[in-house]
C-alpha atoms as a PDB file:
ATOM      1  CA  MET A   1     -71.432 -45.073-138.313  1.00  0.00           C
ATOM      2  CA  PRO A   2     -72.292 -45.014-134.237  1.00  0.00           C
ATOM      3  CA  ILE A   3     -70.622 -41.726-134.240  1.00  0.00           C
ATOM      4  CA  ALA A   4     -73.459 -40.284-136.380  1.00  0.00           C
ATOM      5  CA  LEU A   5     -76.480 -41.941-134.752  1.00  0.00           C
ATOM      6  CA  GLU A   6     -74.936 -41.109-131.200  1.00  0.00           C
ATOM      7  CA  LYS A   7     -74.670 -37.608-132.832  1.00  0.00           C
ATOM      8  CA  ILE A   8     -78.469 -37.462-134.211  1.00  0.00           C
ATOM      9  CA  ALA A   9     -79.380 -38.863-130.776  1.00  0.00           C
ATOM     10  CA  ALA A  10     -77.631 -35.637-129.261  1.00  0.00           C
ATOM     11  CA  ASP A  11     -79.517 -33.498-131.465  1.00  0.00           C
ATOM     12  CA  ALA A  12     -82.966 -34.991-130.908  1.00  0.00           C
ATOM     13  CA  ALA A  13     -82.338 -34.944-127.150  1.00  0.00           C
ATOM     14  CA  GLU A  14     -81.709 -30.811-127.764  1.00  0.00           C
ATOM     15  CA  SER A  15     -84.612 -30.322-130.535  1.00  0.00           C
ATOM     16  CA  PRO A  16     -87.611 -28.866-128.980  1.00  0.00           C
ATOM     17  CA  ALA A  17     -90.836 -30.872-129.827  1.00  0.00           C
ATOM     18  CA  ARG A  18     -92.471 -29.417-133.061  1.00  0.00           C
ATOM     19  CA  GLN A  19     -95.981 -29.877-133.972  1.00  0.00           C
ATOM     20  CA  VAL A  20     -96.514 -31.407-137.120  1.00  0.00           C
ATOM     21  CA  ARG A  21     -99.437 -32.427-139.758  1.00  0.00           C
ATOM     22  CA  LEU A  22    -100.480 -35.741-140.505  1.00  0.00           C
ATOM     23  CA  PHE A  23    -101.451 -36.418-144.246  1.00  0.00           C
ATOM     24  CA  ARG A  24    -102.570 -39.490-146.006  1.00  0.00           C
ATOM     25  CA  ASN A  25    -100.395 -40.959-148.866  1.00  0.00           C
ATOM     26  CA  GLY A  26    -102.783 -43.878-150.073  1.00  0.00           C
ATOM     27  CA  ALA A  27    -103.857 -46.220-147.558  1.00  0.00           C
ATOM     28  CA  ASN A  28    -101.231 -44.823-145.326  1.00  0.00           C
ATOM     29  CA  GLN A  29    -101.243 -41.709-142.694  1.00  0.00           C
ATOM     30  CA  ALA A  30     -98.113 -40.260-143.193  1.00  0.00           C
ATOM     31  CA  VAL A  31     -95.891 -37.228-141.486  1.00  0.00           C
ATOM     32  CA  ARG A  32     -93.465 -34.717-142.436  1.00  0.00           C
ATOM     33  CA  ILE A  33     -90.175 -35.334-140.345  1.00  0.00           C
ATOM     34  CA  PRO A  34     -88.905 -31.849-139.908  1.00  0.00           C
ATOM     35  CA  LYS A  35     -85.149 -31.527-141.215  1.00  0.00           C
ATOM     36  CA  GLU A  36     -83.626 -30.977-137.800  1.00  0.00           C
ATOM     37  CA  PHE A  37     -85.059 -34.454-136.782  1.00  0.00           C
ATOM     38  CA  GLU A  38     -84.217 -36.171-140.016  1.00  0.00           C
ATOM     39  CA  LEU A  39     -82.528 -39.882-139.927  1.00  0.00           C
ATOM     40  CA  PRO A  40     -79.440 -41.297-141.803  1.00  0.00           C
ATOM     41  CA  GLY A  41     -80.331 -44.025-144.195  1.00  0.00           C
ATOM     42  CA  LYS A  42     -83.290 -44.871-145.929  1.00  0.00           C
ATOM     43  CA  GLU A  43     -84.802 -47.023-143.641  1.00  0.00           C
ATOM     44  CA  ALA A  44     -86.032 -46.765-139.915  1.00  0.00           C
ATOM     45  CA  LEU A  45     -88.212 -48.880-137.495  1.00  0.00           C
ATOM     46  CA  ILE A  46     -91.408 -48.101-135.778  1.00  0.00           C
ATOM     47  CA  HIS A  47     -93.200 -49.033-132.848  1.00  0.00           C
ATOM     48  CA  ARG A  48     -95.974 -47.718-130.671  1.00  0.00           C
ATOM     49  CA  GLU A  49     -95.326 -47.198-126.975  1.00  0.00           C
ATOM     50  CA  GLY A  50     -98.874 -46.123-125.792  1.00  0.00           C
ATOM     51  CA  ASN A  51    -100.005 -43.184-127.524  1.00  0.00           C
ATOM     52  CA  LYS A  52     -96.508 -42.570-129.045  1.00  0.00           C
ATOM     53  CA  LEU A  53     -94.825 -43.691-131.887  1.00  0.00           C
ATOM     54  CA  ILE A  54     -91.273 -44.172-131.941  1.00  0.00           C
ATOM     55  CA  ILE A  55     -89.363 -43.801-134.892  1.00  0.00           C
ATOM     56  CA  GLU A  56     -85.619 -44.956-135.138  1.00  0.00           C
ATOM     57  CA  ALA A  57     -82.579 -45.432-137.346  1.00  0.00           C
ATOM     58  CA  VAL A  58     -81.743 -48.441-138.907  1.00  0.00           C
ATOM     59  CA  LYS A  59     -78.091 -49.082-139.318  1.00  0.00           C
ATOM     60  CA  ALA A  60     -76.999 -49.755-142.615  1.00  0.00           C
ATOM     61  CA  THR A  61     -75.975 -53.020-143.211  1.00  0.00           C
ATOM     62  CA  ALA A  62     -72.831 -54.097-145.643  1.00  0.00           C
ATOM     63  CA  THR A  63     -73.786 -55.127-148.957  1.00  0.00           C
ATOM     64  CA  THR A  64     -70.326 -56.496-150.345  1.00  0.00           C
ATOM     65  CA  LEU A  65     -67.991 -58.548-148.233  1.00  0.00           C
ATOM     66  CA  ALA A  66     -65.419 -55.609-148.956  1.00  0.00           C
ATOM     67  CA  GLU A  67     -67.840 -53.437-146.894  1.00  0.00           C
ATOM     68  CA  ALA A  68     -68.323 -55.737-144.071  1.00  0.00           C
ATOM     69  CA  MET A  69     -64.416 -56.119-143.416  1.00  0.00           C
ATOM     70  CA  LYS A  70     -63.478 -52.427-143.372  1.00  0.00           C
ATOM     71  CA  ASP A  71     -64.467 -52.581-140.088  1.00  0.00           C
ATOM     72  CA  TRP A  72     -62.954 -55.321-138.428  1.00  0.00           C
ATOM     73  CA  GLU A  73     -60.230 -55.092-136.685  1.00  0.00           C
ATOM     74  CA  ASP A  74     -56.923 -56.449-137.794  1.00  0.00           C
ATOM     75  CA  MET A  75     -55.848 -59.833-136.346  1.00  0.00           C
ATOM     76  CA  ASN A  76     -52.674 -59.883-134.722  1.00  0.00           C
ATOM     77  CA  GLU A  77     -52.362 -63.653-134.056  1.00  0.00           C
ATOM     78  CA  PRO A  78     -50.196 -65.999-136.773  1.00  0.00           C
ATOM     79  CA  PHE A  79     -52.036 -68.023-139.055  1.00  0.00           C
ATOM     80  CA  PRO A  80     -52.042 -71.533-137.265  1.00  0.00           C
ATOM     81  CA  ASP A  81     -50.119 -74.343-139.106  1.00  0.00           C
ATOM     82  CA  VAL A  82     -52.862 -76.338-140.979  1.00  0.00           C
ATOM     83  CA  ASP A  83     -50.352 -79.144-141.776  1.00  0.00           C
ATOM     84  CA  GLU A  84     -49.479 -79.844-138.188  1.00  0.00           C
ATOM     85  CA  GLY A  85     -49.751 -83.706-137.100  1.00  0.00           C
ATOM     86  CA  LEU A  86     -50.278 -84.754-140.819  1.00  0.00           C
ATOM     87  CA  LEU A  87     -47.948 -87.318-142.147  1.00  0.00           C
ATOM     88  CA  PRO A  88     -45.490 -85.887-144.909  1.00  0.00           C
ATOM     89  CA  LEU A  89     -46.784 -86.311-148.348  1.00  0.00           C
ATOM     90  CA  ASP A  90     -45.019 -88.441-151.026  1.00  0.00           C
ATOM     91  CA  ASP A  91     -43.315 -86.855-154.072  1.00  0.00           C
ATOM     92  CA  ILE A  92     -44.818 -88.226-157.325  1.00  0.00           C
ATOM     93  CA  THR A  93     -43.935 -87.935-160.903  1.00  0.00           C
ATOM     94  CA  LEU A  94     -46.465 -86.820-163.181  1.00  0.00           C
END
């Protein structure tokens, strides 16, 4: 996903500014975002810097353990011996 965000940032830097219209959506003020400024995902962060509003894409978070693990690198180290230093177990008869 970082590649997609970097591409969008590069595209946004190359896009000339456009005048847009503001409108009301219930009690909120809203703006239509032109296609060339479209952000990925369904959520964004917004903050104010002086008289500017800055809208930033939010990196999607994994919703399952499998999604979270798909981006992890392989561990190239042996699994530790968890029994090291313990006394041997006694055999039992059931």
